[in-house]
Amino acid sequence: MKTFNGTKAWLTIVAVTGFLMVSPVQAQEDQKFLDTMVKYLEITDRYVTLASEPAAAVFFAMEGIVELYEQRGETAQAIPHLERLLEQNAGNPVVENIVRFKLRDLYRDTGQGNKALAQLDRIFAENARAARQ
């Protein structure tokens, strides 16, 4: 298992030495806390690893944009934002695919089924062309 800057080893040392001075009930609660912290650090490490990948970073940023609009009850307002991202990244098939899939969801969720289908058609056409080459 990958550790986050050696923190797991430190947490284990704290847990072992701490268990010698506390009741079994407290030790069990402490262990649950330490297990939770180790899981949190593992998730954080995975997130940092993913965020360092350009395609994953694009995905996280796009999801963040959409989430902010959804929280404000303005889901449809995310569409022009993503359409601009698509224009700005024309020629980058990975980014185009990521954004088009999300646009498909937004169009569908806002009752624009024909536009959702158009995004799927475009994804299919572009990727089928690339697969033939």
C-alpha atoms as a PDB file:
ATOM      1  CA  MET A   1       0.000   0.000   0.000  1.00  0.00           C
ATOM      2  CA  LYS A   2       1.308   3.446  -0.927  1.00  0.00           C
ATOM      3  CA  THR A   3       1.708   5.845   1.988  1.00  0.00           C
ATOM      4  CA  PHE A   4       1.205   9.575   2.035  1.00  0.00           C
ATOM      5  CA  ASN A   5       4.587  10.983   3.089  1.00  0.00           C
ATOM      6  CA  GLY A   6       5.145   8.224   5.630  1.00  0.00           C
ATOM      7  CA  THR A   7       2.069   9.258   7.568  1.00  0.00           C
ATOM      8  CA  LYS A   8       0.740   5.727   7.838  1.00  0.00           C
ATOM      9  CA  ALA A   9       3.882   4.605   9.646  1.00  0.00           C
ATOM     10  CA  TRP A  10       3.643   7.564  12.016  1.00  0.00           C
ATOM     11  CA  LEU A  11      -0.024   6.843  12.707  1.00  0.00           C
ATOM     12  CA  THR A  12       0.823   3.210  13.433  1.00  0.00           C
ATOM     13  CA  ILE A  13       3.532   4.212  15.940  1.00  0.00           C
ATOM     14  CA  VAL A  14       1.127   6.602  17.655  1.00  0.00           C
ATOM     15  CA  ALA A  15      -1.527   3.895  17.737  1.00  0.00           C
ATOM     16  CA  VAL A  16       0.769   1.249  19.236  1.00  0.00           C
ATOM     17  CA  THR A  17       2.230   3.506  21.906  1.00  0.00           C
ATOM     18  CA  GLY A  18      -1.160   5.052  22.632  1.00  0.00           C
ATOM     19  CA  PHE A  19      -2.804   1.655  23.064  1.00  0.00           C
ATOM     20  CA  LEU A  20      -0.430   0.864  25.898  1.00  0.00           C
ATOM     21  CA  MET A  21      -1.851   3.733  27.962  1.00  0.00           C
ATOM     22  CA  VAL A  22      -5.618   3.567  27.289  1.00  0.00           C
ATOM     23  CA  SER A  23      -8.533   1.284  27.988  1.00  0.00           C
ATOM     24  CA  PRO A  24      -9.554  -1.357  25.428  1.00  0.00           C
ATOM     25  CA  VAL A  25     -12.665   0.663  24.534  1.00  0.00           C
ATOM     26  CA  GLN A  26     -10.616   3.818  23.989  1.00  0.00           C
ATOM     27  CA  ALA A  27      -8.044   1.825  22.036  1.00  0.00           C
ATOM     28  CA  GLN A  28     -10.777   0.495  19.741  1.00  0.00           C
ATOM     29  CA  GLU A  29     -12.125   4.007  19.161  1.00  0.00           C
ATOM     30  CA  ASP A  30      -8.609   5.281  18.512  1.00  0.00           C
ATOM     31  CA  GLN A  31      -8.014   2.493  16.010  1.00  0.00           C
ATOM     32  CA  LYS A  32     -11.221   3.366  14.161  1.00  0.00           C
ATOM     33  CA  PHE A  33     -10.089   6.986  14.002  1.00  0.00           C
ATOM     34  CA  LEU A  34      -6.624   6.006  12.765  1.00  0.00           C
ATOM     35  CA  ASP A  35      -8.109   3.666  10.148  1.00  0.00           C
ATOM     36  CA  THR A  36     -10.329   6.506   8.946  1.00  0.00           C
ATOM     37  CA  MET A  37      -7.357   8.861   8.746  1.00  0.00           C
ATOM     38  CA  VAL A  38      -5.312   6.324   6.779  1.00  0.00           C
ATOM     39  CA  LYS A  39      -8.204   5.900   4.317  1.00  0.00           C
ATOM     40  CA  TYR A  40      -8.526   9.680   4.031  1.00  0.00           C
ATOM     41  CA  LEU A  41      -4.816  10.036   3.291  1.00  0.00           C
ATOM     42  CA  GLU A  42      -4.975   7.249   0.712  1.00  0.00           C
ATOM     43  CA  ILE A  43      -7.895   8.976  -1.013  1.00  0.00           C
ATOM     44  CA  THR A  44      -6.028  12.280  -0.914  1.00  0.00           C
ATOM     45  CA  ASP A  45      -2.970  10.627  -2.440  1.00  0.00           C
ATOM     46  CA  ARG A  46      -5.086   9.120  -5.233  1.00  0.00           C
ATOM     47  CA  TYR A  47      -6.725  12.479  -5.854  1.00  0.00           C
ATOM     48  CA  VAL A  48      -3.346  14.220  -6.131  1.00  0.00           C
ATOM     49  CA  THR A  49      -2.119  11.503  -8.504  1.00  0.00           C
ATOM     50  CA  LEU A  50      -5.229  11.839 -10.674  1.00  0.00           C
ATOM     51  CA  ALA A  51      -5.136  15.635 -10.631  1.00  0.00           C
ATOM     52  CA  SER A  52      -1.609  15.544 -11.998  1.00  0.00           C
ATOM     53  CA  GLU A  53      -2.923  13.836 -15.144  1.00  0.00           C
ATOM     54  CA  PRO A  54      -4.119  16.475 -17.650  1.00  0.00           C
ATOM     55  CA  ALA A  55      -7.259  14.600 -18.740  1.00  0.00           C
ATOM     56  CA  ALA A  56      -8.258  13.933 -15.145  1.00  0.00           C
ATOM     57  CA  ALA A  57      -7.628  17.574 -14.240  1.00  0.00           C
ATOM     58  CA  VAL A  58      -9.920  18.655 -17.095  1.00  0.00           C
ATOM     59  CA  PHE A  59     -12.584  16.258 -15.833  1.00  0.00           C
ATOM     60  CA  PHE A  60     -12.340  17.511 -12.230  1.00  0.00           C
ATOM     61  CA  ALA A  61     -12.476  21.151 -13.332  1.00  0.00           C
ATOM     62  CA  MET A  62     -15.474  20.535 -15.578  1.00  0.00           C
ATOM     63  CA  GLU A  63     -17.306  18.613 -12.857  1.00  0.00           C
ATOM     64  CA  GLY A  64     -16.591  21.479 -10.468  1.00  0.00           C
ATOM     65  CA  ILE A  65     -18.068  24.006 -12.889  1.00  0.00           C
ATOM     66  CA  VAL A  66     -21.221  21.954 -13.346  1.00  0.00           C
ATOM     67  CA  GLU A  67     -21.535  21.263  -9.620  1.00  0.00           C
ATOM     68  CA  LEU A  68     -21.397  24.978  -8.796  1.00  0.00           C
ATOM     69  CA  TYR A  69     -24.173  25.760 -11.259  1.00  0.00           C
ATOM     70  CA  GLU A  70     -26.251  22.812 -10.023  1.00  0.00           C
ATOM     71  CA  GLN A  71     -25.917  23.949  -6.392  1.00  0.00           C
ATOM     72  CA  ARG A  72     -27.256  27.349  -7.389  1.00  0.00           C
ATOM     73  CA  GLY A  73     -30.161  25.723  -9.234  1.00  0.00           C
ATOM     74  CA  GLU A  74     -28.812  26.999 -12.559  1.00  0.00           C
ATOM     75  CA  THR A  75     -27.817  23.775 -14.304  1.00  0.00           C
ATOM     76  CA  ALA A  76     -28.600  25.165 -17.753  1.00  0.00           C
ATOM     77  CA  GLN A  77     -26.102  27.993 -17.158  1.00  0.00           C
ATOM     78  CA  ALA A  78     -23.272  25.447 -17.201  1.00  0.00           C
ATOM     79  CA  ILE A  79     -23.959  24.649 -20.853  1.00  0.00           C
ATOM     80  CA  PRO A  80     -22.489  27.851 -22.396  1.00  0.00           C
ATOM     81  CA  HIS A  81     -19.481  27.477 -20.108  1.00  0.00           C
ATOM     82  CA  LEU A  82     -18.831  23.930 -21.356  1.00  0.00           C
ATOM     83  CA  GLU A  83     -19.498  24.940 -24.961  1.00  0.00           C
ATOM     84  CA  ARG A  84     -16.718  27.548 -24.594  1.00  0.00           C
ATOM     85  CA  LEU A  85     -14.403  24.881 -23.175  1.00  0.00           C
ATOM     86  CA  LEU A  86     -15.166  22.752 -26.208  1.00  0.00           C
ATOM     87  CA  GLU A  87     -14.334  25.615 -28.585  1.00  0.00           C
ATOM     88  CA  GLN A  88     -11.138  26.462 -26.704  1.00  0.00           C
ATOM     89  CA  ASN A  89      -9.946  22.850 -26.857  1.00  0.00           C
ATOM     90  CA  ALA A  90     -10.876  22.044 -30.446  1.00  0.00           C
ATOM     91  CA  GLY A  91      -8.502  19.439 -31.796  1.00  0.00           C
ATOM     92  CA  ASN A  92      -7.832  17.816 -28.422  1.00  0.00           C
ATOM     93  CA  PRO A  93      -9.815  14.577 -28.691  1.00  0.00           C
ATOM     94  CA  VAL A  94      -9.525  13.643 -25.010  1.00  0.00           C
ATOM     95  CA  VAL A  95     -10.848  16.991 -23.810  1.00  0.00           C
ATOM     96  CA  GLU A  96     -13.501  17.045 -26.524  1.00  0.00           C
ATOM     97  CA  ASN A  97     -14.760  13.609 -25.464  1.00  0.00           C
ATOM     98  CA  ILE A  98     -14.862  14.549 -21.779  1.00  0.00           C
ATOM     99  CA  VAL A  99     -16.733  17.789 -22.425  1.00  0.00           C
ATOM    100  CA  ARG A 100     -19.094  16.296 -25.012  1.00  0.00           C
ATOM    101  CA  PHE A 101     -20.137  13.497 -22.651  1.00  0.00           C
ATOM    102  CA  LYS A 102     -20.932  16.065 -19.958  1.00  0.00           C
ATOM    103  CA  LEU A 103     -22.752  18.293 -22.438  1.00  0.00           C
ATOM    104  CA  ARG A 104     -24.820  15.263 -23.407  1.00  0.00           C
ATOM    105  CA  ASP A 105     -25.871  14.879 -19.758  1.00  0.00           C
ATOM    106  CA  LEU A 106     -26.656  18.575 -19.363  1.00  0.00           C
ATOM    107  CA  TYR A 107     -28.671  18.744 -22.578  1.00  0.00           C
ATOM    108  CA  ARG A 108     -30.605  15.635 -21.546  1.00  0.00           C
ATOM    109  CA  ASP A 109     -31.233  16.976 -18.036  1.00  0.00           C
ATOM    110  CA  THR A 110     -32.476  20.307 -19.400  1.00  0.00           C
ATOM    111  CA  GLY A 111     -34.890  18.764 -21.897  1.00  0.00           C
ATOM    112  CA  GLN A 112     -32.723  19.284 -24.980  1.00  0.00           C
ATOM    113  CA  GLY A 113     -32.719  15.709 -26.219  1.00  0.00           C
ATOM    114  CA  ASN A 114     -31.820  16.568 -29.811  1.00  0.00           C
ATOM    115  CA  LYS A 115     -28.698  18.404 -28.695  1.00  0.00           C
ATOM    116  CA  ALA A 116     -27.793  15.471 -26.416  1.00  0.00           C
ATOM    117  CA  LEU A 117     -28.084  13.109 -29.379  1.00  0.00           C
ATOM    118  CA  ALA A 118     -25.984  15.471 -31.512  1.00  0.00           C
ATOM    119  CA  GLN A 119     -23.179  15.269 -28.934  1.00  0.00           C
ATOM    120  CA  LEU A 120     -23.327  11.471 -28.980  1.00  0.00           C
ATOM    121  CA  ASP A 121     -23.287  11.465 -32.787  1.00  0.00           C
ATOM    122  CA  ARG A 122     -20.234  13.722 -32.767  1.00  0.00           C
ATOM    123  CA  ILE A 123     -18.439  11.547 -30.183  1.00  0.00           C
ATOM    124  CA  PHE A 124     -19.155   8.492 -32.279  1.00  0.00           C
ATOM    125  CA  ALA A 125     -18.088  10.090 -35.574  1.00  0.00           C
ATOM    126  CA  GLU A 126     -14.833  11.534 -34.224  1.00  0.00           C
ATOM    127  CA  ASN A 127     -13.806   8.402 -32.381  1.00  0.00           C
ATOM    128  CA  ALA A 128     -14.797   6.044 -35.195  1.00  0.00           C
ATOM    129  CA  ARG A 129     -12.673   8.124 -37.581  1.00  0.00           C
ATOM    130  CA  ALA A 130      -9.713   7.969 -35.190  1.00  0.00           C
ATOM    131  CA  ALA A 131     -10.144   4.211 -34.770  1.00  0.00           C
ATOM    132  CA  ARG A 132      -9.949   3.680 -38.548  1.00  0.00           C
ATOM    133  CA  GLN A 133      -6.624   5.501 -38.800  1.00  0.00           C
END
